[in-house]
N, C-alpha and C. Protein backbone atom coordinates (compact mmCIF):
# COMPACT_ATOMS: atom_id res chain seq x y z
N MET A 1 -171.55 89.17 -32.90
CA MET A 1 -170.96 90.45 -33.22
C MET A 1 -169.79 90.23 -34.19
N LEU A 2 -169.73 91.05 -35.20
CA LEU A 2 -168.66 90.98 -36.19
C LEU A 2 -167.55 91.95 -35.83
N LEU A 3 -166.35 91.62 -36.28
CA LEU A 3 -165.20 92.49 -36.03
C LEU A 3 -165.46 93.87 -36.61
N SER A 4 -166.08 93.94 -37.77
CA SER A 4 -166.35 95.23 -38.40
C SER A 4 -167.36 96.07 -37.61
N ASP A 5 -168.12 95.43 -36.71
CA ASP A 5 -169.08 96.16 -35.89
C ASP A 5 -168.41 96.97 -34.78
N VAL A 6 -167.22 96.55 -34.35
CA VAL A 6 -166.57 97.24 -33.24
C VAL A 6 -165.29 97.97 -33.62
N LEU A 7 -164.63 97.54 -34.68
CA LEU A 7 -163.41 98.24 -35.09
C LEU A 7 -163.77 99.49 -35.86
N PRO A 8 -163.16 100.61 -35.52
CA PRO A 8 -163.36 101.79 -36.35
C PRO A 8 -162.96 101.48 -37.79
N ALA A 9 -163.61 102.10 -38.73
CA ALA A 9 -163.39 101.80 -40.15
C ALA A 9 -161.93 101.98 -40.55
N SER A 10 -161.20 102.82 -39.85
CA SER A 10 -159.81 103.09 -40.22
C SER A 10 -158.84 102.01 -39.74
N ILE A 11 -159.29 101.10 -38.90
CA ILE A 11 -158.39 100.07 -38.37
C ILE A 11 -158.54 98.81 -39.20
N ALA A 12 -157.53 98.47 -39.95
CA ALA A 12 -157.53 97.23 -40.72
C ALA A 12 -156.87 96.16 -39.85
N TRP A 13 -157.53 95.04 -39.67
CA TRP A 13 -156.97 93.98 -38.83
C TRP A 13 -156.63 92.81 -39.71
N ASN A 14 -155.33 92.57 -39.94
CA ASN A 14 -154.92 91.50 -40.84
C ASN A 14 -153.53 90.97 -40.48
N PRO A 15 -153.38 90.33 -39.33
CA PRO A 15 -152.06 89.80 -38.98
C PRO A 15 -151.71 88.59 -39.84
N ASP A 16 -150.42 88.38 -40.07
CA ASP A 16 -149.96 87.17 -40.73
C ASP A 16 -150.06 86.00 -39.76
N LEU A 17 -150.11 84.80 -40.29
CA LEU A 17 -150.30 83.61 -39.47
C LEU A 17 -149.23 83.46 -38.39
N GLY A 18 -147.98 83.78 -38.68
CA GLY A 18 -146.90 83.59 -37.72
C GLY A 18 -146.64 84.78 -36.81
N ASP A 19 -147.39 85.86 -36.94
CA ASP A 19 -147.15 87.05 -36.12
C ASP A 19 -147.54 86.82 -34.67
N LEU A 20 -146.75 87.38 -33.78
CA LEU A 20 -147.20 87.56 -32.40
C LEU A 20 -148.22 88.69 -32.44
N VAL A 21 -149.26 88.61 -31.64
CA VAL A 21 -150.30 89.64 -31.64
C VAL A 21 -150.25 90.38 -30.31
N LEU A 22 -150.31 91.70 -30.38
CA LEU A 22 -150.34 92.54 -29.19
C LEU A 22 -151.57 93.42 -29.25
N LEU A 23 -152.40 93.33 -28.22
CA LEU A 23 -153.55 94.22 -28.06
C LEU A 23 -153.34 94.97 -26.75
N ALA A 24 -153.34 96.28 -26.80
CA ALA A 24 -153.15 97.09 -25.60
C ALA A 24 -154.29 98.10 -25.56
N VAL A 25 -155.17 97.92 -24.58
CA VAL A 25 -156.41 98.70 -24.59
C VAL A 25 -156.74 99.27 -23.22
N THR A 26 -157.54 100.33 -23.25
CA THR A 26 -158.18 100.84 -22.05
C THR A 26 -159.55 100.18 -21.97
N LEU A 27 -160.24 100.36 -20.88
CA LEU A 27 -161.57 99.76 -20.73
C LEU A 27 -162.52 100.21 -21.83
N ASP A 28 -162.33 101.43 -22.34
CA ASP A 28 -163.19 101.94 -23.41
C ASP A 28 -163.12 101.08 -24.66
N ASP A 29 -161.99 100.44 -24.92
CA ASP A 29 -161.80 99.63 -26.12
C ASP A 29 -161.75 98.14 -25.83
N LEU A 30 -162.14 97.72 -24.66
CA LEU A 30 -162.07 96.30 -24.30
C LEU A 30 -162.93 95.45 -25.22
N ALA A 31 -164.09 95.94 -25.65
CA ALA A 31 -164.96 95.18 -26.56
C ALA A 31 -164.25 94.92 -27.89
N VAL A 32 -163.45 95.86 -28.35
CA VAL A 32 -162.69 95.67 -29.59
C VAL A 32 -161.71 94.52 -29.40
N ALA A 33 -160.95 94.55 -28.31
CA ALA A 33 -159.96 93.50 -28.04
C ALA A 33 -160.63 92.14 -27.91
N GLU A 34 -161.74 92.07 -27.21
CA GLU A 34 -162.44 90.79 -27.04
C GLU A 34 -162.94 90.25 -28.37
N THR A 35 -163.41 91.12 -29.24
CA THR A 35 -163.89 90.68 -30.55
C THR A 35 -162.72 90.21 -31.41
N VAL A 36 -161.61 90.93 -31.39
CA VAL A 36 -160.42 90.50 -32.12
C VAL A 36 -159.97 89.14 -31.62
N LEU A 37 -159.89 88.96 -30.32
CA LEU A 37 -159.47 87.68 -29.75
C LEU A 37 -160.38 86.54 -30.19
N ALA A 38 -161.66 86.81 -30.28
CA ALA A 38 -162.62 85.78 -30.69
C ALA A 38 -162.45 85.37 -32.14
N THR A 39 -161.83 86.23 -32.96
CA THR A 39 -161.65 85.93 -34.38
C THR A 39 -160.32 85.25 -34.68
N LEU A 40 -159.42 85.20 -33.71
CA LEU A 40 -158.10 84.62 -33.94
C LEU A 40 -158.15 83.10 -33.92
N PRO A 41 -157.27 82.46 -34.69
CA PRO A 41 -157.21 80.99 -34.63
C PRO A 41 -156.70 80.53 -33.27
N SER A 42 -157.02 79.30 -32.92
CA SER A 42 -156.64 78.78 -31.61
C SER A 42 -155.12 78.71 -31.42
N LYS A 43 -154.36 78.64 -32.51
CA LYS A 43 -152.90 78.58 -32.41
C LYS A 43 -152.24 79.96 -32.32
N ALA A 44 -153.04 81.03 -32.38
CA ALA A 44 -152.48 82.38 -32.30
C ALA A 44 -151.81 82.56 -30.94
N ARG A 45 -150.81 83.44 -30.93
CA ARG A 45 -150.09 83.69 -29.68
C ARG A 45 -149.82 85.18 -29.55
N GLY A 46 -149.78 85.62 -28.31
CA GLY A 46 -149.52 87.03 -28.09
C GLY A 46 -149.83 87.49 -26.68
N GLN A 47 -150.12 88.78 -26.57
CA GLN A 47 -150.30 89.42 -25.27
C GLN A 47 -151.43 90.44 -25.36
N VAL A 48 -152.21 90.52 -24.29
CA VAL A 48 -153.23 91.54 -24.14
C VAL A 48 -152.93 92.31 -22.87
N PHE A 49 -152.86 93.63 -22.98
CA PHE A 49 -152.76 94.50 -21.81
C PHE A 49 -154.06 95.29 -21.73
N VAL A 50 -154.65 95.34 -20.55
CA VAL A 50 -155.87 96.13 -20.33
C VAL A 50 -155.58 97.08 -19.18
N GLU A 51 -155.71 98.38 -19.47
CA GLU A 51 -155.50 99.38 -18.43
C GLU A 51 -156.85 99.74 -17.82
N ALA A 52 -156.92 99.67 -16.49
CA ALA A 52 -158.15 99.98 -15.76
C ALA A 52 -157.81 100.87 -14.57
N ALA A 53 -158.83 101.48 -14.03
CA ALA A 53 -158.62 102.39 -12.91
C ALA A 53 -158.29 101.64 -11.62
N THR A 54 -159.07 100.61 -11.31
CA THR A 54 -158.89 99.90 -10.04
C THR A 54 -159.10 98.40 -10.23
N GLU A 55 -158.80 97.65 -9.20
CA GLU A 55 -158.98 96.20 -9.22
C GLU A 55 -160.43 95.80 -9.44
N ALA A 56 -161.35 96.65 -9.06
CA ALA A 56 -162.78 96.35 -9.23
C ALA A 56 -163.18 96.22 -10.71
N ASP A 57 -162.38 96.75 -11.61
CA ASP A 57 -162.66 96.69 -13.05
C ASP A 57 -162.27 95.36 -13.68
N ILE A 58 -161.48 94.56 -12.99
CA ILE A 58 -160.96 93.32 -13.57
C ILE A 58 -162.08 92.29 -13.74
N ARG A 59 -162.09 91.65 -14.91
CA ARG A 59 -163.03 90.56 -15.18
C ARG A 59 -162.37 89.58 -16.13
N PRO A 60 -162.88 88.36 -16.23
CA PRO A 60 -162.28 87.37 -17.12
C PRO A 60 -162.38 87.79 -18.59
N ILE A 61 -161.35 87.44 -19.34
CA ILE A 61 -161.31 87.68 -20.79
C ILE A 61 -160.96 86.37 -21.47
N SER A 62 -161.71 86.00 -22.49
CA SER A 62 -161.41 84.79 -23.26
C SER A 62 -160.38 85.12 -24.32
N ALA A 63 -159.35 84.28 -24.38
CA ALA A 63 -158.28 84.47 -25.36
C ALA A 63 -157.75 83.09 -25.75
N PRO A 64 -157.14 83.00 -26.94
CA PRO A 64 -156.50 81.72 -27.30
C PRO A 64 -155.51 81.30 -26.21
N GLY A 65 -155.26 80.02 -26.10
CA GLY A 65 -154.44 79.46 -25.03
C GLY A 65 -153.02 79.97 -24.95
N ARG A 66 -152.49 80.48 -26.06
CA ARG A 66 -151.09 80.94 -26.07
C ARG A 66 -151.00 82.46 -25.91
N PHE A 67 -152.00 83.03 -25.26
CA PHE A 67 -152.03 84.46 -24.98
C PHE A 67 -151.89 84.71 -23.49
N GLY A 68 -151.19 85.78 -23.18
CA GLY A 68 -151.18 86.28 -21.82
C GLY A 68 -152.13 87.45 -21.72
N VAL A 69 -152.85 87.55 -20.63
CA VAL A 69 -153.73 88.69 -20.39
C VAL A 69 -153.27 89.35 -19.09
N THR A 70 -152.91 90.63 -19.18
CA THR A 70 -152.40 91.36 -18.02
C THR A 70 -153.24 92.60 -17.80
N TRP A 71 -153.76 92.72 -16.60
CA TRP A 71 -154.50 93.92 -16.20
C TRP A 71 -153.53 94.89 -15.55
N LEU A 72 -153.57 96.13 -15.99
CA LEU A 72 -152.71 97.19 -15.44
C LEU A 72 -153.61 98.16 -14.69
N LEU A 73 -153.26 98.44 -13.45
CA LEU A 73 -154.12 99.26 -12.60
C LEU A 73 -153.49 100.63 -12.35
N ARG A 74 -154.18 101.66 -12.82
CA ARG A 74 -153.66 103.02 -12.66
C ARG A 74 -153.51 103.41 -11.20
N ASP A 75 -154.38 102.90 -10.31
CA ASP A 75 -154.26 103.26 -8.90
C ASP A 75 -153.03 102.63 -8.24
N ARG A 76 -152.37 101.73 -8.97
CA ARG A 76 -151.11 101.14 -8.49
C ARG A 76 -149.91 101.67 -9.26
N GLY A 77 -150.15 102.67 -10.11
CA GLY A 77 -149.07 103.29 -10.87
C GLY A 77 -148.66 102.54 -12.12
N GLN A 78 -149.46 101.56 -12.54
CA GLN A 78 -149.15 100.79 -13.74
C GLN A 78 -149.69 101.53 -14.96
N ALA A 79 -148.91 101.56 -16.03
CA ALA A 79 -149.28 102.33 -17.22
C ALA A 79 -149.22 101.47 -18.47
N LEU A 80 -150.16 101.68 -19.35
CA LEU A 80 -150.26 100.92 -20.59
C LEU A 80 -149.03 101.11 -21.47
N ARG A 81 -148.65 102.34 -21.73
CA ARG A 81 -147.53 102.62 -22.64
C ARG A 81 -146.23 102.02 -22.12
N THR A 82 -145.97 102.12 -20.84
CA THR A 82 -144.75 101.56 -20.25
C THR A 82 -144.71 100.05 -20.43
N SER A 83 -145.84 99.40 -20.19
CA SER A 83 -145.91 97.94 -20.32
C SER A 83 -145.73 97.50 -21.77
N VAL A 84 -146.36 98.23 -22.69
CA VAL A 84 -146.22 97.92 -24.12
C VAL A 84 -144.77 98.06 -24.55
N ASP A 85 -144.13 99.14 -24.17
CA ASP A 85 -142.73 99.37 -24.54
C ASP A 85 -141.82 98.26 -24.01
N ALA A 86 -142.04 97.85 -22.76
CA ALA A 86 -141.22 96.80 -22.16
C ALA A 86 -141.45 95.46 -22.87
N TRP A 87 -142.70 95.14 -23.17
CA TRP A 87 -143.02 93.88 -23.84
C TRP A 87 -142.41 93.85 -25.24
N LEU A 88 -142.53 94.96 -25.96
CA LEU A 88 -141.96 95.01 -27.31
C LEU A 88 -140.43 94.91 -27.28
N ALA A 89 -139.81 95.49 -26.30
CA ALA A 89 -138.35 95.40 -26.18
C ALA A 89 -137.92 93.95 -26.02
N GLU A 90 -138.74 93.16 -25.34
CA GLU A 90 -138.43 91.74 -25.16
C GLU A 90 -138.78 90.91 -26.38
N MET A 91 -139.90 91.21 -27.02
CA MET A 91 -140.39 90.38 -28.12
C MET A 91 -139.82 90.76 -29.49
N LEU A 92 -139.21 91.91 -29.59
CA LEU A 92 -138.60 92.32 -30.85
C LEU A 92 -137.09 92.50 -30.69
N PRO A 93 -136.41 91.44 -30.26
CA PRO A 93 -134.95 91.57 -30.12
C PRO A 93 -134.30 91.75 -31.49
N VAL A 94 -133.15 92.35 -31.47
CA VAL A 94 -132.41 92.56 -32.71
C VAL A 94 -131.47 91.37 -32.90
N GLU A 95 -131.72 90.60 -33.93
CA GLU A 95 -130.88 89.46 -34.28
C GLU A 95 -130.56 89.56 -35.76
N VAL A 96 -129.32 89.30 -36.10
CA VAL A 96 -128.88 89.41 -37.48
C VAL A 96 -129.53 88.35 -38.36
N ASP A 97 -129.70 87.15 -37.86
CA ASP A 97 -130.14 86.04 -38.69
C ASP A 97 -131.64 85.72 -38.60
N ARG A 98 -132.40 86.51 -37.85
CA ARG A 98 -133.81 86.18 -37.69
C ARG A 98 -134.65 87.45 -37.55
N GLU A 99 -135.79 87.45 -38.22
CA GLU A 99 -136.71 88.58 -38.11
C GLU A 99 -137.83 88.22 -37.13
N HIS A 100 -138.19 89.15 -36.27
CA HIS A 100 -139.29 88.97 -35.34
C HIS A 100 -140.40 89.94 -35.74
N ARG A 101 -141.66 89.45 -35.71
CA ARG A 101 -142.79 90.30 -36.10
C ARG A 101 -143.85 90.29 -35.00
N VAL A 102 -144.38 91.47 -34.74
CA VAL A 102 -145.51 91.63 -33.84
C VAL A 102 -146.55 92.45 -34.58
N TYR A 103 -147.78 91.97 -34.56
CA TYR A 103 -148.89 92.72 -35.14
C TYR A 103 -149.64 93.33 -33.97
N ALA A 104 -149.75 94.66 -33.94
CA ALA A 104 -150.22 95.34 -32.74
C ALA A 104 -151.30 96.37 -33.01
N TRP A 105 -152.18 96.50 -32.03
CA TRP A 105 -153.10 97.63 -31.99
C TRP A 105 -153.18 98.12 -30.55
N VAL A 106 -153.05 99.44 -30.40
CA VAL A 106 -153.07 100.08 -29.10
C VAL A 106 -154.22 101.07 -29.08
N SER A 107 -154.99 101.10 -27.99
CA SER A 107 -156.08 102.06 -27.86
C SER A 107 -155.61 103.46 -28.21
N GLY A 108 -156.44 104.17 -28.94
CA GLY A 108 -156.12 105.54 -29.31
C GLY A 108 -155.38 105.66 -30.62
N GLU A 109 -154.85 104.56 -31.15
CA GLU A 109 -154.17 104.61 -32.44
C GLU A 109 -155.18 104.37 -33.54
N THR A 110 -154.95 104.95 -34.68
CA THR A 110 -155.93 104.87 -35.76
C THR A 110 -155.77 103.66 -36.63
N CYS A 111 -154.70 102.89 -36.44
CA CYS A 111 -154.54 101.68 -37.26
C CYS A 111 -153.75 100.62 -36.51
N ALA A 112 -153.96 99.40 -36.93
CA ALA A 112 -153.13 98.29 -36.45
C ALA A 112 -151.88 98.28 -37.32
N ARG A 113 -150.79 97.76 -36.81
CA ARG A 113 -149.55 97.78 -37.60
C ARG A 113 -148.67 96.59 -37.28
N ALA A 114 -147.89 96.21 -38.25
CA ALA A 114 -146.88 95.16 -38.06
C ALA A 114 -145.59 95.84 -37.64
N LEU A 115 -144.97 95.35 -36.59
CA LEU A 115 -143.69 95.85 -36.11
C LEU A 115 -142.66 94.76 -36.32
N VAL A 116 -141.53 95.12 -36.87
CA VAL A 116 -140.51 94.14 -37.22
C VAL A 116 -139.18 94.54 -36.61
N SER A 117 -138.46 93.54 -36.06
CA SER A 117 -137.13 93.83 -35.51
C SER A 117 -136.13 93.84 -36.64
């Protein structure tokens, strides 16, 4: 399967080599996240959040070794947007002498984007 087979035509996926990568998806877009992860180099680093209804939805996901994969369960009150906001607050600190970059795509958004502190 090619990345172009699962990404909507409006989503351009082109992170820079040094970017942290953030994928935040619902189960409906899990195939997109898995395909993106399969195309990343082994040295890529980042975070995947998957929002699901219950624990029964959880299954293994292959990701580069420097990725965290977190399942968020709605029946436990966990929310995708809250988790994304908290992660970005930690990963995009404001520092005068250093720029931090995250390349992100969130389910329901029409494009991937680079976020810079």
